[in-house]
Amino acid sequence: MSPPAGLTEHPAHGGALVPLRRPEEPSHGQDVRRSDVDEWGRSESSRRLARRIYGPLYRRWFRVEWEGLEKIPRDGGALLVANHAGAIPADAPIIMHGIEEELGRPVYGLADYLFRSFPVVGTLWSRAGGVPAHPDNAYRLLHDQKQLALVFPEGTKGTGKAYSERYRLRRFGRGGFVEIAMRAGVPVIPITVMGSEEVMPILAKSAPLARLLGVPYVPVTANMLLLGPLGVLTYFPAKVKVRVLDPVSFDVAPDQERYPRSRVFEEAEGIRQKMQLSLYDMLRKRRSVWFG
């Protein structure tokens, strides 16, 4: 009769059964992960590959220019807040790529869970640093792990805007991003992006098709009309400029159970107005959509 699993006969013990560690069992304290995928699903090797592939698009197609990049901290948690636009928004990868390339800091993008529900796309977004936008996730990233997190308070209201409504910021929800920053004890760093409205402008939307597919909107873009099927995933080469505004800190104690709703909404609206004025200023100085 063979000995039970995990036990073997050892001659030094007169044939007594002694426990042996199984080869696949790691010793105490040993890292059992065999890949670089972290608890959020982000993979640094995937990010390196994405940066290598995305780099030419970033440098030569969008020709991205930054202003105020030094206002983003080199360490510690901070909540980055940006305007959102384009049928398939280009602003998130532009911001994440630029900060990771210039500052060497990873950026986690907080997005609707809808991204995770799509086969393949959800996994790729997760490997690239995408995290479901939930207050608990944001708190852990900002407070516990001292990371940079990127959020777009306009949500799909921003990306679903028609071209005629470009650069008019939508309402920032109920200001939940401010409350998270207060609770985590980190600053909010507003970022305004010019050019994202022109890379894939929406001319019309199909509400019936959106309901059928269960998505926020199904756009008809200028890219589709000019380029046909290629226009579904092809951006126009608009010049993109990114401006980082002064960090906004809140003189409140962190980790409170709740914060006054009026204060949260007031701070959120103040940030929205600063970003709107910044966009108007950037547009006044722009000479050309294509050349900046």
C-alpha atoms as a PDB file:
ATOM      1  CA  MET A   1       0.000   0.000   0.000  1.00  0.00           C
ATOM      2  CA  SER A   2       1.458   3.349  -0.985  1.00  0.00           C
ATOM      3  CA  PRO A   3       1.826   6.143   1.621  1.00  0.00           C
ATOM      4  CA  PRO A   4      -0.638   9.060   1.670  1.00  0.00           C
ATOM      5  CA  ALA A   5       0.064  12.094  -0.512  1.00  0.00           C
ATOM      6  CA  GLY A   6       2.644  14.379   1.030  1.00  0.00           C
ATOM      7  CA  LEU A   7       4.249  11.628   3.128  1.00  0.00           C
ATOM      8  CA  THR A   8       7.064   9.246   2.240  1.00  0.00           C
ATOM      9  CA  GLU A   9       9.084   6.501   3.860  1.00  0.00           C
ATOM     10  CA  HIS A  10      12.518   7.699   4.988  1.00  0.00           C
ATOM     11  CA  PRO A  11      15.211   5.086   5.675  1.00  0.00           C
ATOM     12  CA  ALA A  12      16.836   7.195   8.392  1.00  0.00           C
ATOM     13  CA  HIS A  13      13.673   6.901  10.434  1.00  0.00           C
ATOM     14  CA  GLY A  14      13.359   3.164  10.112  1.00  0.00           C
ATOM     15  CA  GLY A  15      10.675   3.304   7.503  1.00  0.00           C
ATOM     16  CA  ALA A  16       8.541   5.798   9.494  1.00  0.00           C
ATOM     17  CA  LEU A  17       6.362   8.142   7.529  1.00  0.00           C
ATOM     18  CA  VAL A  18       7.650  11.740   7.550  1.00  0.00           C
ATOM     19  CA  PRO A  19       6.054  14.805   5.908  1.00  0.00           C
ATOM     20  CA  LEU A  20       7.795  16.294   2.892  1.00  0.00           C
ATOM     21  CA  ARG A  21       6.979  19.617   1.244  1.00  0.00           C
ATOM     22  CA  ARG A  22       5.465  19.134  -2.169  1.00  0.00           C
ATOM     23  CA  PRO A  23       7.627  20.511  -4.997  1.00  0.00           C
ATOM     24  CA  GLU A  24       4.909  22.919  -6.103  1.00  0.00           C
ATOM     25  CA  GLU A  25       4.359  24.345  -2.620  1.00  0.00           C
ATOM     26  CA  PRO A  26       6.341  27.579  -2.070  1.00  0.00           C
ATOM     27  CA  SER A  27       8.200  28.182   1.165  1.00  0.00           C
ATOM     28  CA  HIS A  28       6.718  30.673   3.604  1.00  0.00           C
ATOM     29  CA  GLY A  29       6.996  34.264   2.397  1.00  0.00           C
ATOM     30  CA  GLN A  30       7.940  33.338  -1.158  1.00  0.00           C
ATOM     31  CA  ASP A  31       6.166  35.267  -3.925  1.00  0.00           C
ATOM     32  CA  VAL A  32       3.975  32.710  -5.682  1.00  0.00           C
ATOM     33  CA  ARG A  33       3.198  34.896  -8.693  1.00  0.00           C
ATOM     34  CA  ARG A  34       4.804  33.735 -11.920  1.00  0.00           C
ATOM     35  CA  SER A  35       3.982  36.919 -13.854  1.00  0.00           C
ATOM     36  CA  ASP A  36       4.155  40.658 -13.302  1.00  0.00           C
ATOM     37  CA  VAL A  37       0.372  41.086 -13.198  1.00  0.00           C
ATOM     38  CA  ASP A  38      -0.532  42.989 -10.030  1.00  0.00           C
ATOM     39  CA  GLU A  39      -3.699  42.715  -7.957  1.00  0.00           C
ATOM     40  CA  TRP A  40      -5.499  45.144 -10.297  1.00  0.00           C
ATOM     41  CA  GLY A  41      -4.592  43.189 -13.430  1.00  0.00           C
ATOM     42  CA  ARG A  42      -1.963  45.675 -14.587  1.00  0.00           C
ATOM     43  CA  SER A  43       1.105  44.196 -16.213  1.00  0.00           C
ATOM     44  CA  GLU A  44       4.286  46.227 -16.528  1.00  0.00           C
ATOM     45  CA  SER A  45       5.495  44.069 -19.408  1.00  0.00           C
ATOM     46  CA  SER A  46       2.194  44.735 -21.184  1.00  0.00           C
ATOM     47  CA  ARG A  47       2.571  48.446 -20.455  1.00  0.00           C
ATOM     48  CA  ARG A  48       6.098  48.433 -21.900  1.00  0.00           C
ATOM     49  CA  LEU A  49       4.810  46.781 -25.056  1.00  0.00           C
ATOM     50  CA  ALA A  50       1.899  49.254 -25.216  1.00  0.00           C
ATOM     51  CA  ARG A  51       4.265  52.204 -24.813  1.00  0.00           C
ATOM     52  CA  ARG A  52       6.502  50.872 -27.565  1.00  0.00           C
ATOM     53  CA  ILE A  53       3.558  50.444 -29.939  1.00  0.00           C
ATOM     54  CA  TYR A  54       1.768  53.644 -28.910  1.00  0.00           C
ATOM     55  CA  GLY A  55       4.900  55.819 -28.897  1.00  0.00           C
ATOM     56  CA  PRO A  56       4.912  56.650 -32.636  1.00  0.00           C
ATOM     57  CA  LEU A  57       1.200  57.522 -32.553  1.00  0.00           C
ATOM     58  CA  TYR A  58       1.794  59.741 -29.521  1.00  0.00           C
ATOM     59  CA  ARG A  59       4.847  61.526 -30.963  1.00  0.00           C
ATOM     60  CA  ARG A  60       4.160  61.672 -34.695  1.00  0.00           C
ATOM     61  CA  TRP A  61       0.411  61.467 -35.177  1.00  0.00           C
ATOM     62  CA  PHE A  62      -0.934  63.469 -32.243  1.00  0.00           C
ATOM     63  CA  ARG A  63       2.413  65.294 -31.651  1.00  0.00           C
ATOM     64  CA  VAL A  64       1.495  65.704 -27.994  1.00  0.00           C
ATOM     65  CA  GLU A  65       2.776  68.737 -26.087  1.00  0.00           C
ATOM     66  CA  TRP A  66       2.582  69.100 -22.300  1.00  0.00           C
ATOM     67  CA  GLU A  67       2.398  72.209 -20.174  1.00  0.00           C
ATOM     68  CA  GLY A  68       2.842  72.052 -16.406  1.00  0.00           C
ATOM     69  CA  LEU A  69       3.920  68.409 -16.224  1.00  0.00           C
ATOM     70  CA  GLU A  70       6.106  69.317 -13.235  1.00  0.00           C
ATOM     71  CA  LYS A  71       2.927  69.825 -11.163  1.00  0.00           C
ATOM     72  CA  ILE A  72       2.326  66.081 -11.059  1.00  0.00           C
ATOM     73  CA  PRO A  73       4.069  64.682  -7.945  1.00  0.00           C
ATOM     74  CA  ARG A  74       6.968  62.263  -8.320  1.00  0.00           C
ATOM     75  CA  ASP A  75       5.719  60.220  -5.374  1.00  0.00           C
ATOM     76  CA  GLY A  76       2.610  59.888  -3.221  1.00  0.00           C
ATOM     77  CA  GLY A  77      -1.009  59.521  -4.217  1.00  0.00           C
ATOM     78  CA  ALA A  78      -2.873  62.033  -6.378  1.00  0.00           C
ATOM     79  CA  LEU A  79      -6.173  61.991  -8.263  1.00  0.00           C
ATOM     80  CA  LEU A  80      -5.817  63.213 -11.841  1.00  0.00           C
ATOM     81  CA  VAL A  81      -9.036  64.671 -13.273  1.00  0.00           C
ATOM     82  CA  ALA A  82      -9.378  65.385 -17.006  1.00  0.00           C
ATOM     83  CA  ASN A  83     -11.938  66.313 -19.647  1.00  0.00           C
ATOM     84  CA  HIS A  84     -13.155  63.477 -21.865  1.00  0.00           C
ATOM     85  CA  ALA A  85     -13.983  63.493 -25.589  1.00  0.00           C
ATOM     86  CA  GLY A  86     -14.055  61.533 -28.835  1.00  0.00           C
ATOM     87  CA  ALA A  87     -16.204  58.575 -29.878  1.00  0.00           C
ATOM     88  CA  ILE A  88     -13.293  56.303 -28.922  1.00  0.00           C
ATOM     89  CA  PRO A  89     -11.485  58.667 -26.542  1.00  0.00           C
ATOM     90  CA  ALA A  90      -7.775  59.163 -27.082  1.00  0.00           C
ATOM     91  CA  ASP A  91      -7.233  61.280 -23.969  1.00  0.00           C
ATOM     92  CA  ALA A  92      -6.809  58.416 -21.473  1.00  0.00           C
ATOM     93  CA  PRO A  93      -3.952  56.648 -23.304  1.00  0.00           C
ATOM     94  CA  ILE A  94      -2.332  60.008 -24.112  1.00  0.00           C
ATOM     95  CA  ILE A  95      -2.254  61.077 -20.452  1.00  0.00           C
ATOM     96  CA  MET A  96      -1.197  57.671 -19.142  1.00  0.00           C
ATOM     97  CA  HIS A  97       1.524  57.270 -21.778  1.00  0.00           C
ATOM     98  CA  GLY A  98       2.909  60.786 -21.295  1.00  0.00           C
ATOM     99  CA  ILE A  99       3.182  60.554 -17.508  1.00  0.00           C
ATOM    100  CA  GLU A 100       4.687  57.085 -17.567  1.00  0.00           C
ATOM    101  CA  GLU A 101       7.241  58.090 -20.213  1.00  0.00           C
ATOM    102  CA  GLU A 102       8.185  61.461 -18.711  1.00  0.00           C
ATOM    103  CA  LEU A 103       7.913  60.758 -14.973  1.00  0.00           C
ATOM    104  CA  GLY A 104       8.323  56.994 -14.839  1.00  0.00           C
ATOM    105  CA  ARG A 105       5.198  56.622 -12.681  1.00  0.00           C
ATOM    106  CA  PRO A 106       2.396  54.167 -13.434  1.00  0.00           C
ATOM    107  CA  VAL A 107      -1.078  55.637 -13.879  1.00  0.00           C
ATOM    108  CA  TYR A 108      -4.233  53.651 -13.147  1.00  0.00           C
ATOM    109  CA  GLY A 109      -7.231  54.687 -15.232  1.00  0.00           C
ATOM    110  CA  LEU A 110     -10.595  54.501 -13.454  1.00  0.00           C
ATOM    111  CA  ALA A 111     -13.281  53.605 -15.978  1.00  0.00           C
ATOM    112  CA  ASP A 112     -16.818  52.277 -16.152  1.00  0.00           C
ATOM    113  CA  TYR A 113     -17.092  48.535 -15.557  1.00  0.00           C
ATOM    114  CA  LEU A 114     -18.484  48.273 -19.097  1.00  0.00           C
ATOM    115  CA  PHE A 115     -14.877  48.041 -20.312  1.00  0.00           C
ATOM    116  CA  ARG A 116     -14.270  44.876 -18.290  1.00  0.00           C
ATOM    117  CA  SER A 117     -17.406  43.230 -19.653  1.00  0.00           C
ATOM    118  CA  PHE A 118     -16.143  43.148 -23.260  1.00  0.00           C
ATOM    119  CA  PRO A 119     -14.196  40.017 -24.242  1.00  0.00           C
ATOM    120  CA  VAL A 120     -10.506  40.668 -24.998  1.00  0.00           C
ATOM    121  CA  VAL A 121     -10.963  44.456 -24.700  1.00  0.00           C
ATOM    122  CA  GLY A 122     -11.599  44.115 -20.974  1.00  0.00           C
ATOM    123  CA  THR A 123      -8.452  42.068 -20.433  1.00  0.00           C
ATOM    124  CA  LEU A 124      -6.314  44.407 -22.527  1.00  0.00           C
ATOM    125  CA  TRP A 125      -7.660  47.445 -20.675  1.00  0.00           C
ATOM    126  CA  SER A 126      -6.914  45.768 -17.355  1.00  0.00           C
ATOM    127  CA  ARG A 127      -3.349  44.865 -18.392  1.00  0.00           C
ATOM    128  CA  ALA A 128      -2.841  48.465 -19.481  1.00  0.00           C
ATOM    129  CA  GLY A 129      -3.798  49.800 -16.046  1.00  0.00           C
ATOM    130  CA  GLY A 130      -7.574  50.076 -16.239  1.00  0.00           C
ATOM    131  CA  VAL A 131      -9.489  49.659 -12.984  1.00  0.00           C
ATOM    132  CA  PRO A 132     -13.284  49.646 -12.446  1.00  0.00           C
ATOM    133  CA  ALA A 133     -14.310  53.063 -11.165  1.00  0.00           C
ATOM    134  CA  HIS A 134     -15.499  52.222  -7.650  1.00  0.00           C
ATOM    135  CA  PRO A 135     -14.849  54.388  -4.543  1.00  0.00           C
ATOM    136  CA  ASP A 136     -13.184  51.482  -2.711  1.00  0.00           C
ATOM    137  CA  ASN A 137     -10.793  50.861  -5.607  1.00  0.00           C
ATOM    138  CA  ALA A 138      -9.912  54.548  -5.828  1.00  0.00           C
ATOM    139  CA  TYR A 139      -9.323  54.780  -2.061  1.00  0.00           C
ATOM    140  CA  ARG A 140      -6.980  51.794  -2.030  1.00  0.00           C
ATOM    141  CA  LEU A 141      -4.994  53.116  -4.976  1.00  0.00           C
ATOM    142  CA  LEU A 142      -4.691  56.642  -3.594  1.00  0.00           C
ATOM    143  CA  HIS A 143      -4.477  56.134   0.168  1.00  0.00           C
ATOM    144  CA  ASP A 144      -3.063  52.670   0.721  1.00  0.00           C
ATOM    145  CA  GLN A 145      -0.803  52.318  -2.301  1.00  0.00           C
ATOM    146  CA  LYS A 146       0.070  56.006  -2.939  1.00  0.00           C
ATOM    147  CA  GLN A 147      -0.551  55.689  -6.676  1.00  0.00           C
ATOM    148  CA  LEU A 148      -1.689  58.067  -9.405  1.00  0.00           C
ATOM    149  CA  ALA A 149      -5.277  57.463 -10.481  1.00  0.00           C
ATOM    150  CA  LEU A 150      -6.925  59.082 -13.503  1.00  0.00           C
ATOM    151  CA  VAL A 151     -10.654  59.770 -13.659  1.00  0.00           C
ATOM    152  CA  PHE A 152     -12.973  61.509 -16.129  1.00  0.00           C
ATOM    153  CA  PRO A 153     -15.909  62.980 -14.174  1.00  0.00           C
ATOM    154  CA  GLU A 154     -17.912  63.683 -17.344  1.00  0.00           C
ATOM    155  CA  GLY A 155     -18.034  59.962 -18.134  1.00  0.00           C
ATOM    156  CA  THR A 156     -19.893  58.999 -21.299  1.00  0.00           C
ATOM    157  CA  LYS A 157     -21.638  62.381 -21.280  1.00  0.00           C
ATOM    158  CA  GLY A 158     -18.287  63.781 -22.385  1.00  0.00           C
ATOM    159  CA  THR A 159     -17.345  61.198 -24.995  1.00  0.00           C
ATOM    160  CA  GLY A 160     -20.903  61.131 -26.388  1.00  0.00           C
ATOM    161  CA  LYS A 161     -21.007  64.864 -27.171  1.00  0.00           C
ATOM    162  CA  ALA A 162     -21.732  65.932 -30.725  1.00  0.00           C
ATOM    163  CA  TYR A 163     -19.041  67.933 -32.505  1.00  0.00           C
ATOM    164  CA  SER A 164     -21.220  71.051 -32.284  1.00  0.00           C
ATOM    165  CA  GLU A 165     -20.892  70.845 -28.458  1.00  0.00           C
ATOM    166  CA  ARG A 166     -17.118  70.425 -28.375  1.00  0.00           C
ATOM    167  CA  TYR A 167     -15.111  71.769 -25.442  1.00  0.00           C
ATOM    168  CA  ARG A 168     -18.198  72.458 -23.339  1.00  0.00           C
ATOM    169  CA  LEU A 169     -17.642  70.494 -20.180  1.00  0.00           C
ATOM    170  CA  ARG A 170     -20.548  68.443 -18.925  1.00  0.00           C
ATOM    171  CA  ARG A 171     -21.562  68.355 -15.276  1.00  0.00           C
ATOM    172  CA  PHE A 172     -19.119  66.457 -13.063  1.00  0.00           C
ATOM    173  CA  GLY A 173     -21.730  64.135 -11.634  1.00  0.00           C
ATOM    174  CA  ARG A 174     -22.262  64.542  -7.900  1.00  0.00           C
ATOM    175  CA  GLY A 175     -18.628  65.327  -7.190  1.00  0.00           C
ATOM    176  CA  GLY A 176     -17.741  61.842  -5.997  1.00  0.00           C
ATOM    177  CA  PHE A 177     -14.132  62.300  -7.091  1.00  0.00           C
ATOM    178  CA  VAL A 178     -13.742  65.169  -4.611  1.00  0.00           C
ATOM    179  CA  GLU A 179     -15.072  63.081  -1.741  1.00  0.00           C
ATOM    180  CA  ILE A 180     -12.686  60.247  -2.585  1.00  0.00           C
ATOM    181  CA  ALA A 181      -9.732  62.664  -2.639  1.00  0.00           C
ATOM    182  CA  MET A 182     -10.829  64.110   0.713  1.00  0.00           C
ATOM    183  CA  ARG A 183     -11.170  60.681   2.271  1.00  0.00           C
ATOM    184  CA  ALA A 184      -7.815  59.499   0.887  1.00  0.00           C
ATOM    185  CA  GLY A 185      -6.077  62.731   1.892  1.00  0.00           C
ATOM    186  CA  VAL A 186      -4.654  63.418  -1.572  1.00  0.00           C
ATOM    187  CA  PRO A 187      -4.811  66.407  -3.940  1.00  0.00           C
ATOM    188  CA  VAL A 188      -6.878  66.622  -7.099  1.00  0.00           C
ATOM    189  CA  ILE A 189      -4.794  67.603 -10.122  1.00  0.00           C
ATOM    190  CA  PRO A 190      -6.943  68.978 -12.975  1.00  0.00           C
ATOM    191  CA  ILE A 191      -5.764  68.281 -16.527  1.00  0.00           C
ATOM    192  CA  THR A 192      -7.203  69.843 -19.679  1.00  0.00           C
ATOM    193  CA  VAL A 193      -6.768  68.255 -23.096  1.00  0.00           C
ATOM    194  CA  MET A 194      -7.177  70.148 -26.373  1.00  0.00           C
ATOM    195  CA  GLY A 195      -7.381  68.214 -29.621  1.00  0.00           C
ATOM    196  CA  SER A 196      -9.266  65.187 -28.314  1.00  0.00           C
ATOM    197  CA  GLU A 197     -12.546  66.632 -29.605  1.00  0.00           C
ATOM    198  CA  GLU A 198     -11.231  66.570 -33.179  1.00  0.00           C
ATOM    199  CA  VAL A 199      -9.526  63.168 -33.369  1.00  0.00           C
ATOM    200  CA  MET A 200     -12.840  61.299 -33.711  1.00  0.00           C
ATOM    201  CA  PRO A 201     -15.770  63.771 -33.745  1.00  0.00           C
ATOM    202  CA  ILE A 202     -19.333  62.508 -33.448  1.00  0.00           C
ATOM    203  CA  LEU A 203     -21.803  63.792 -36.042  1.00  0.00           C
ATOM    204  CA  ALA A 204     -24.794  61.667 -35.043  1.00  0.00           C
ATOM    205  CA  LYS A 205     -25.812  58.800 -32.736  1.00  0.00           C
ATOM    206  CA  SER A 206     -28.135  55.818 -33.105  1.00  0.00           C
ATOM    207  CA  ALA A 207     -30.268  55.455 -29.985  1.00  0.00           C
ATOM    208  CA  PRO A 208     -32.100  52.274 -31.145  1.00  0.00           C
ATOM    209  CA  LEU A 209     -28.832  50.487 -31.901  1.00  0.00           C
ATOM    210  CA  ALA A 210     -27.373  51.599 -28.565  1.00  0.00           C
ATOM    211  CA  ARG A 211     -30.364  50.115 -26.731  1.00  0.00           C
ATOM    212  CA  LEU A 212     -30.056  46.900 -28.715  1.00  0.00           C
ATOM    213  CA  LEU A 213     -26.357  46.527 -27.907  1.00  0.00           C
ATOM    214  CA  GLY A 214     -26.676  47.750 -24.321  1.00  0.00           C
ATOM    215  CA  VAL A 215     -24.073  50.505 -24.686  1.00  0.00           C
ATOM    216  CA  PRO A 216     -24.296  54.223 -23.839  1.00  0.00           C
ATOM    217  CA  TYR A 217     -24.194  55.327 -27.483  1.00  0.00           C
ATOM    218  CA  VAL A 218     -23.449  54.137 -31.010  1.00  0.00           C
ATOM    219  CA  PRO A 219     -21.769  57.009 -32.862  1.00  0.00           C
ATOM    220  CA  VAL A 220     -21.576  58.022 -36.486  1.00  0.00           C
ATOM    221  CA  THR A 221     -18.264  59.839 -36.780  1.00  0.00           C
ATOM    222  CA  ALA A 222     -16.661  62.016 -39.420  1.00  0.00           C
ATOM    223  CA  ASN A 223     -13.913  59.387 -39.597  1.00  0.00           C
ATOM    224  CA  MET A 224     -16.441  56.756 -40.719  1.00  0.00           C
ATOM    225  CA  LEU A 225     -17.925  59.021 -43.375  1.00  0.00           C
ATOM    226  CA  LEU A 226     -14.525  59.963 -44.823  1.00  0.00           C
ATOM    227  CA  LEU A 227     -12.638  56.679 -44.434  1.00  0.00           C
ATOM    228  CA  GLY A 228     -15.374  54.058 -44.531  1.00  0.00           C
ATOM    229  CA  PRO A 229     -14.740  50.928 -42.438  1.00  0.00           C
ATOM    230  CA  LEU A 230     -11.200  52.102 -41.670  1.00  0.00           C
ATOM    231  CA  GLY A 231     -12.700  55.127 -39.931  1.00  0.00           C
ATOM    232  CA  VAL A 232     -14.095  52.975 -37.132  1.00  0.00           C
ATOM    233  CA  LEU A 233     -10.654  52.774 -35.508  1.00  0.00           C
ATOM    234  CA  THR A 234      -8.675  55.502 -37.301  1.00  0.00           C
ATOM    235  CA  TYR A 235      -8.076  58.836 -35.593  1.00  0.00           C
ATOM    236  CA  PHE A 236      -7.665  62.160 -37.369  1.00  0.00           C
ATOM    237  CA  PRO A 237      -4.164  63.654 -36.829  1.00  0.00           C
ATOM    238  CA  ALA A 238      -5.273  66.580 -34.683  1.00  0.00           C
ATOM    239  CA  LYS A 239      -2.546  68.298 -32.681  1.00  0.00           C
ATOM    240  CA  VAL A 240      -3.029  67.453 -28.986  1.00  0.00           C
ATOM    241  CA  LYS A 241      -1.966  69.739 -26.167  1.00  0.00           C
ATOM    242  CA  VAL A 242      -2.224  68.797 -22.501  1.00  0.00           C
ATOM    243  CA  ARG A 243      -2.154  71.347 -19.689  1.00  0.00           C
ATOM    244  CA  VAL A 244      -1.732  70.424 -16.011  1.00  0.00           C
ATOM    245  CA  LEU A 245      -3.367  72.925 -13.656  1.00  0.00           C
ATOM    246  CA  ASP A 246      -2.380  73.706 -10.072  1.00  0.00           C
ATOM    247  CA  PRO A 247      -3.161  70.901  -7.596  1.00  0.00           C
ATOM    248  CA  VAL A 248      -6.272  71.407  -5.474  1.00  0.00           C
ATOM    249  CA  SER A 249      -5.968  70.351  -1.827  1.00  0.00           C
ATOM    250  CA  PHE A 250      -8.757  70.210   0.728  1.00  0.00           C
ATOM    251  CA  ASP A 251      -8.367  71.425   4.290  1.00  0.00           C
ATOM    252  CA  VAL A 252     -10.305  68.532   5.803  1.00  0.00           C
ATOM    253  CA  ALA A 253      -9.399  65.505   7.889  1.00  0.00           C
ATOM    254  CA  PRO A 254      -9.075  62.292   5.863  1.00  0.00           C
ATOM    255  CA  ASP A 255     -10.928  59.041   6.546  1.00  0.00           C
ATOM    256  CA  GLN A 256     -14.165  60.658   7.670  1.00  0.00           C
ATOM    257  CA  GLU A 257     -17.348  58.650   7.254  1.00  0.00           C
ATOM    258  CA  ARG A 258     -18.925  61.435   5.237  1.00  0.00           C
ATOM    259  CA  TYR A 259     -18.285  64.994   4.120  1.00  0.00           C
ATOM    260  CA  PRO A 260     -20.807  67.839   3.667  1.00  0.00           C
ATOM    261  CA  ARG A 261     -22.515  67.375   0.308  1.00  0.00           C
ATOM    262  CA  SER A 262     -22.611  71.127  -0.273  1.00  0.00           C
ATOM    263  CA  ARG A 263     -18.829  71.378   0.242  1.00  0.00           C
ATOM    264  CA  VAL A 264     -18.161  68.414  -2.067  1.00  0.00           C
ATOM    265  CA  PHE A 265     -20.361  69.810  -4.825  1.00  0.00           C
ATOM    266  CA  GLU A 266     -18.879  73.307  -4.428  1.00  0.00           C
ATOM    267  CA  GLU A 267     -15.316  71.991  -4.770  1.00  0.00           C
ATOM    268  CA  ALA A 268     -16.237  69.834  -7.771  1.00  0.00           C
ATOM    269  CA  GLU A 269     -17.934  72.720  -9.529  1.00  0.00           C
ATOM    270  CA  GLY A 270     -14.961  74.985  -8.798  1.00  0.00           C
ATOM    271  CA  ILE A 271     -12.610  72.470 -10.414  1.00  0.00           C
ATOM    272  CA  ARG A 272     -14.920  72.124 -13.404  1.00  0.00           C
ATOM    273  CA  GLN A 273     -14.980  75.908 -13.899  1.00  0.00           C
ATOM    274  CA  LYS A 274     -11.178  76.136 -13.696  1.00  0.00           C
ATOM    275  CA  MET A 275     -10.881  73.436 -16.331  1.00  0.00           C
ATOM    276  CA  GLN A 276     -13.473  75.112 -18.560  1.00  0.00           C
ATOM    277  CA  LEU A 277     -11.608  78.436 -18.397  1.00  0.00           C
ATOM    278  CA  SER A 278      -8.348  76.633 -19.149  1.00  0.00           C
ATOM    279  CA  LEU A 279      -9.866  75.037 -22.258  1.00  0.00           C
ATOM    280  CA  TYR A 280     -11.176  78.390 -23.485  1.00  0.00           C
ATOM    281  CA  ASP A 281      -7.712  79.893 -22.971  1.00  0.00           C
ATOM    282  CA  MET A 282      -6.049  77.048 -24.897  1.00  0.00           C
ATOM    283  CA  LEU A 283      -8.554  77.406 -27.742  1.00  0.00           C
ATOM    284  CA  ARG A 284      -7.953  81.168 -27.993  1.00  0.00           C
ATOM    285  CA  LYS A 285      -4.242  80.530 -28.454  1.00  0.00           C
ATOM    286  CA  ARG A 286      -4.663  77.736 -30.996  1.00  0.00           C
ATOM    287  CA  ARG A 287      -3.914  78.674 -34.581  1.00  0.00           C
ATOM    288  CA  SER A 288      -4.841  75.396 -36.227  1.00  0.00           C
ATOM    289  CA  VAL A 289      -6.571  72.145 -35.295  1.00  0.00           C
ATOM    290  CA  TRP A 290      -3.843  70.235 -37.126  1.00  0.00           C
ATOM    291  CA  PHE A 291      -0.742  72.237 -36.221  1.00  0.00           C
ATOM    292  CA  GLY A 292      -1.575  73.720 -32.843  1.00  0.00           C
END
